[in-house]
Amino acid sequence: RHQSNGHAVTVWNLKSGQEGTEVRFVQGTRPHASFLKGQRDILIGNSEGLEIVSPDLRILRRKLNLFGHVYQSSPDGRAVVGVNSAGDLELWSLRNGKLLATGARVGQLRSVAYLPDGTRIIVATATGDVQILDAQSLHVLLTLLRGSDPVGVHVSANGERIFCVERAERFHDWDLRPRAEVAQEMNKAAEQLQFAKNLVAALVERKITLEKARAELLSSEWTVE
C-alpha cells in the first residue's frame, strides 16, 4: 500500500484474514511482490531493483539488478527473469545471485510467464512483441506478434495454450500442441457434430423415436451432457 515515504509491503494470512505484524518499506515506484515456490522467500520488485527477502519480511537475502514491477520466477523457484536498467532481458539465479543469461533489449516488459515445465518463457514487451524464449539462453524461439500493444500474457495450467490481451481489447489465443494432435482433435469434433446432425435429422423426419435417439447417444463414444 502507498504511504507518504514510499510503499509498505505486508503479508496477509488467507486463513485468518489477518494482516501480518511485519512491514517492509520500499522506495520508488509501486512494487510487485510474490512468493517463491514453497513460500520460502518473497520477491519484491520495482524501479529500485528486485529484493529477495525472508517470508517474515525481516531479512534481505540479496538484491538483483532487475528493475520494474514485471518479473517472473521459474516454476522450480531457482531463477528469475526481468529487465536490467538498460532494458535488456536478463536471467538470474536465485540460489547464488549470479547472472545466467542476457537476452535482447526490449525496453520495458509488459508481461512475462513461464510454461509449467520451465523450458520456455513468454514475454510481452513495450515494443509490441510477444515472443517465446528459451528459458536457459533467452534466445527467441518464435515471435507470435509484432507491432501490437500487449498488456498481459498467460499460459494455461497444462502449458498447451498461450493467451494474450491487447490494450485495444483484442484477444489472442495460440495452441502449442503439435499440429497433428490439433488436427486429430478437430476431426473428432467434426465427426461428433455430424453424428449429432444426423441424429437430429432422423428425429425430425421421424425415422427414429426419441427413445431410440437417446439409446444411440448413450451407446456412442461421444460425451453426452
Protein backbone atom coordinates (compact mmCIF):
# COMPACT_ATOMS: atom_id res chain seq x y z
CA ARG A 1 0.00 0.00 0.00
CA HIS A 2 1.12 3.55 -0.70
CA GLN A 3 2.48 5.75 2.06
CA SER A 4 3.98 9.22 2.12
CA ASN A 5 7.53 7.88 2.32
CA GLY A 6 7.13 5.06 -0.21
CA HIS A 7 5.23 1.79 -0.26
CA ALA A 8 4.59 -0.70 2.51
CA VAL A 9 4.62 -4.43 1.78
CA THR A 10 2.86 -6.73 4.24
CA VAL A 11 1.85 -10.40 4.31
CA TRP A 12 -1.77 -11.42 4.89
CA ASN A 13 -2.92 -14.75 6.28
CA LEU A 14 -5.60 -16.09 3.93
CA LYS A 15 -6.97 -18.49 6.53
CA SER A 16 -7.49 -15.96 9.30
CA GLY A 17 -7.80 -12.86 7.10
CA GLN A 18 -5.38 -11.03 9.37
CA GLU A 19 -2.54 -8.78 8.31
CA GLY A 20 0.96 -9.69 9.42
CA THR A 21 2.72 -7.57 12.00
CA GLU A 22 5.90 -7.09 9.94
CA VAL A 23 6.05 -4.34 7.30
CA ARG A 24 8.79 -3.74 4.71
CA PHE A 25 9.08 -0.20 3.33
CA VAL A 26 10.12 0.16 -0.32
CA GLN A 27 11.15 3.38 -2.07
CA GLY A 28 10.45 4.11 -5.74
CA THR A 29 7.52 3.08 -7.92
CA ARG A 30 4.70 0.76 -6.93
CA PRO A 31 6.25 -2.63 -6.16
CA HIS A 32 5.07 -6.09 -7.11
CA ALA A 33 5.56 -8.85 -4.54
CA SER A 34 5.25 -12.61 -4.97
CA PHE A 35 6.14 -15.76 -3.08
CA LEU A 36 8.71 -18.18 -4.42
CA LYS A 37 7.81 -21.85 -4.74
CA GLY A 38 7.22 -23.34 -1.31
CA GLN A 39 6.82 -19.83 0.19
CA ARG A 40 10.45 -19.97 1.31
CA ASP A 41 11.15 -16.36 0.23
CA ILE A 42 9.39 -13.29 -1.20
CA LEU A 43 10.37 -11.31 -4.30
CA ILE A 44 9.70 -7.55 -4.24
CA GLY A 45 10.43 -5.67 -7.45
CA ASN A 46 10.09 -2.06 -8.62
CA SER A 47 12.17 0.80 -10.07
CA GLU A 48 14.75 0.38 -7.28
CA GLY A 49 15.59 -3.24 -8.11
CA LEU A 50 14.47 -6.73 -7.14
CA GLU A 51 14.74 -7.72 -3.49
CA ILE A 52 14.70 -11.29 -2.20
CA VAL A 53 13.52 -11.25 1.40
CA SER A 54 12.58 -13.80 4.04
CA PRO A 55 8.90 -14.82 4.42
CA ASP A 56 8.61 -12.66 7.54
CA LEU A 57 9.96 -9.63 5.55
CA ARG A 58 12.73 -9.09 8.11
CA ILE A 59 15.83 -10.36 6.29
CA LEU A 60 17.11 -9.12 2.93
CA ARG A 61 18.69 -12.16 1.27
CA ARG A 62 20.06 -10.24 -1.72
CA LYS A 63 19.20 -7.58 -4.26
CA LEU A 64 19.34 -8.12 -8.03
CA ASN A 65 19.77 -5.54 -10.79
CA LEU A 66 16.36 -6.18 -12.31
CA PHE A 67 14.15 -3.12 -12.50
CA GLY A 68 10.41 -2.62 -12.82
CA HIS A 69 7.50 -4.47 -11.29
CA VAL A 70 7.26 -7.05 -14.10
CA TYR A 71 9.35 -10.16 -13.50
CA GLN A 72 8.75 -13.88 -13.13
CA SER A 73 10.42 -16.65 -11.16
CA SER A 74 10.82 -20.08 -12.73
CA PRO A 75 8.41 -22.88 -11.72
CA ASP A 76 11.13 -24.54 -9.64
CA GLY A 77 11.96 -21.27 -7.88
CA ARG A 78 15.62 -21.35 -8.91
CA ALA A 79 15.75 -18.43 -11.36
CA VAL A 80 14.04 -15.15 -12.17
CA VAL A 81 13.69 -13.25 -15.45
CA GLY A 82 13.25 -9.49 -15.85
CA VAL A 83 14.94 -6.43 -17.38
CA ASN A 84 18.05 -4.52 -16.28
CA SER A 85 18.44 -0.74 -16.11
CA ALA A 86 19.24 -0.60 -19.85
CA GLY A 87 16.10 -2.54 -20.77
CA ASP A 88 17.87 -5.82 -21.59
CA LEU A 89 16.27 -9.12 -20.69
CA GLU A 90 18.24 -10.95 -18.01
CA LEU A 91 18.01 -14.29 -16.24
CA TRP A 92 19.39 -14.50 -12.70
CA SER A 93 19.97 -17.40 -10.33
CA LEU A 94 18.02 -17.13 -7.08
CA ARG A 95 20.37 -19.59 -5.43
CA ASN A 96 23.63 -17.67 -5.74
CA GLY A 97 22.60 -14.32 -7.23
CA LYS A 98 24.63 -14.82 -10.42
CA LEU A 99 23.67 -13.64 -13.90
CA LEU A 100 22.81 -16.70 -16.03
CA ALA A 101 21.91 -15.19 -19.41
CA THR A 102 21.26 -11.91 -21.23
CA GLY A 103 18.68 -11.57 -23.98
CA ALA A 104 17.53 -8.88 -26.38
CA ARG A 105 16.92 -5.24 -25.49
CA VAL A 106 13.18 -4.90 -25.06
CA GLY A 107 12.98 -1.63 -23.13
CA GLN A 108 10.16 -2.45 -20.79
CA LEU A 109 8.39 -5.69 -20.01
CA ARG A 110 4.61 -5.58 -20.10
CA SER A 111 4.13 -9.18 -19.02
CA VAL A 112 6.10 -12.42 -18.65
CA ALA A 113 5.13 -16.04 -17.97
CA TYR A 114 6.86 -19.41 -17.78
CA LEU A 115 5.48 -22.59 -19.28
CA PRO A 116 4.73 -25.07 -16.47
CA ASP A 117 7.66 -27.31 -17.42
CA GLY A 118 10.08 -24.37 -17.16
CA THR A 119 11.57 -24.84 -20.64
CA ARG A 120 10.18 -21.72 -22.31
CA ILE A 121 9.27 -18.16 -21.37
CA ILE A 122 6.58 -15.97 -22.93
CA VAL A 123 7.28 -12.23 -22.92
CA ALA A 124 5.20 -9.22 -23.97
CA THR A 125 7.23 -6.04 -24.42
CA ALA A 126 6.59 -2.33 -24.77
CA THR A 127 7.99 -2.57 -28.32
CA GLY A 128 4.84 -4.51 -29.23
CA ASP A 129 6.34 -8.00 -29.50
CA VAL A 130 5.01 -11.21 -27.98
CA GLN A 131 7.70 -13.89 -28.13
CA ILE A 132 8.57 -17.38 -26.96
CA LEU A 133 12.08 -17.60 -25.48
CA ASP A 134 14.33 -20.47 -24.48
CA ALA A 135 14.31 -20.46 -20.68
CA GLN A 136 18.06 -21.04 -20.34
CA SER A 137 19.58 -18.85 -23.06
CA LEU A 138 16.75 -16.30 -23.54
CA HIS A 139 17.13 -16.79 -27.30
CA VAL A 140 13.98 -16.05 -29.29
CA LEU A 141 12.37 -19.28 -30.50
CA LEU A 142 9.26 -17.78 -32.07
CA THR A 143 7.66 -14.34 -32.47
CA LEU A 144 3.89 -14.58 -32.09
CA LEU A 145 3.04 -10.89 -32.55
CA ARG A 146 4.80 -7.75 -33.80
CA GLY A 147 3.66 -4.15 -33.59
CA SER A 148 0.88 -4.96 -31.16
CA ASP A 149 0.02 -3.35 -27.84
CA PRO A 150 0.05 -6.23 -25.35
CA VAL A 151 -0.81 -5.74 -21.70
CA GLY A 152 -0.71 -9.34 -20.48
CA VAL A 153 0.25 -12.89 -21.42
CA HIS A 154 -0.93 -16.03 -19.67
CA VAL A 155 -0.26 -19.74 -20.07
CA SER A 156 -2.84 -22.46 -19.44
CA ALA A 157 -2.23 -24.80 -16.50
CA ASN A 158 -1.32 -27.69 -18.82
CA GLY A 159 1.06 -25.50 -20.85
CA GLU A 160 -0.75 -26.17 -24.11
CA ARG A 161 -2.15 -22.70 -24.81
CA ILE A 162 -0.96 -19.09 -24.64
CA PHE A 163 -3.34 -16.17 -24.19
CA CYS A 164 -2.58 -12.52 -24.83
CA VAL A 165 -4.68 -9.42 -24.23
CA GLU A 166 -4.02 -6.13 -26.03
CA ARG A 167 -4.91 -2.66 -24.81
CA ALA A 168 -7.41 -2.29 -27.66
CA GLU A 169 -9.42 -5.14 -26.08
CA ARG A 170 -8.17 -7.64 -28.64
CA PHE A 171 -7.62 -11.19 -27.50
CA HIS A 172 -5.19 -13.76 -28.96
CA ASP A 173 -5.03 -17.50 -28.35
CA TRP A 174 -2.28 -19.87 -29.55
CA ASP A 175 -2.24 -23.66 -29.33
CA LEU A 176 1.22 -25.05 -28.60
CA ARG A 177 0.36 -28.67 -29.27
CA PRO A 178 1.77 -30.42 -32.38
CA ARG A 179 -0.30 -29.75 -35.49
CA ALA A 180 -1.13 -33.43 -35.92
CA GLU A 181 -2.63 -33.58 -32.43
CA VAL A 182 -4.71 -30.43 -33.05
CA ALA A 183 -5.88 -31.76 -36.43
CA GLN A 184 -6.91 -35.05 -34.84
CA GLU A 185 -8.96 -33.24 -32.21
CA MET A 186 -10.63 -31.06 -34.86
CA ASN A 187 -11.50 -34.12 -36.97
CA LYS A 188 -13.01 -35.82 -33.94
CA ALA A 189 -15.07 -32.72 -33.18
CA ALA A 190 -16.28 -32.61 -36.79
CA GLU A 191 -17.30 -36.28 -36.59
CA GLN A 192 -19.19 -35.63 -33.37
CA LEU A 193 -21.01 -32.67 -34.93
CA GLN A 194 -22.00 -34.71 -37.99
CA PHE A 195 -23.24 -37.54 -35.76
CA ALA A 196 -25.45 -35.07 -33.86
CA LYS A 197 -26.77 -33.54 -37.11
CA ASN A 198 -27.68 -36.95 -38.49
CA LEU A 199 -29.46 -37.88 -35.27
CA VAL A 200 -31.46 -34.63 -35.21
CA ALA A 201 -32.40 -35.08 -38.89
CA ALA A 202 -33.61 -38.62 -38.20
CA LEU A 203 -35.73 -37.34 -35.33
CA VAL A 204 -37.24 -34.54 -37.42
CA GLU A 205 -38.07 -36.94 -40.23
CA ARG A 206 -39.49 -39.36 -37.66
CA LYS A 207 -37.24 -42.16 -38.81
CA ILE A 208 -36.41 -42.96 -35.18
CA THR A 209 -38.11 -42.36 -31.86
CA LEU A 210 -36.79 -40.15 -29.07
CA GLU A 211 -36.06 -43.27 -27.01
CA LYS A 212 -34.07 -44.74 -29.91
CA ALA A 213 -32.11 -41.48 -30.31
CA ARG A 214 -31.29 -41.47 -26.61
CA ALA A 215 -30.10 -45.07 -26.82
CA GLU A 216 -27.92 -44.16 -29.82
CA LEU A 217 -26.32 -41.34 -27.83
CA LEU A 218 -25.71 -43.49 -24.77
CA SER A 219 -24.12 -46.26 -26.83
CA SER A 220 -21.89 -43.87 -28.80
CA GLU A 221 -18.30 -42.88 -27.93
CA TRP A 222 -19.27 -39.22 -27.53
CA THR A 223 -19.72 -37.49 -24.20
CA VAL A 224 -23.40 -36.80 -23.55
CA GLU A 225 -24.28 -33.80 -21.38
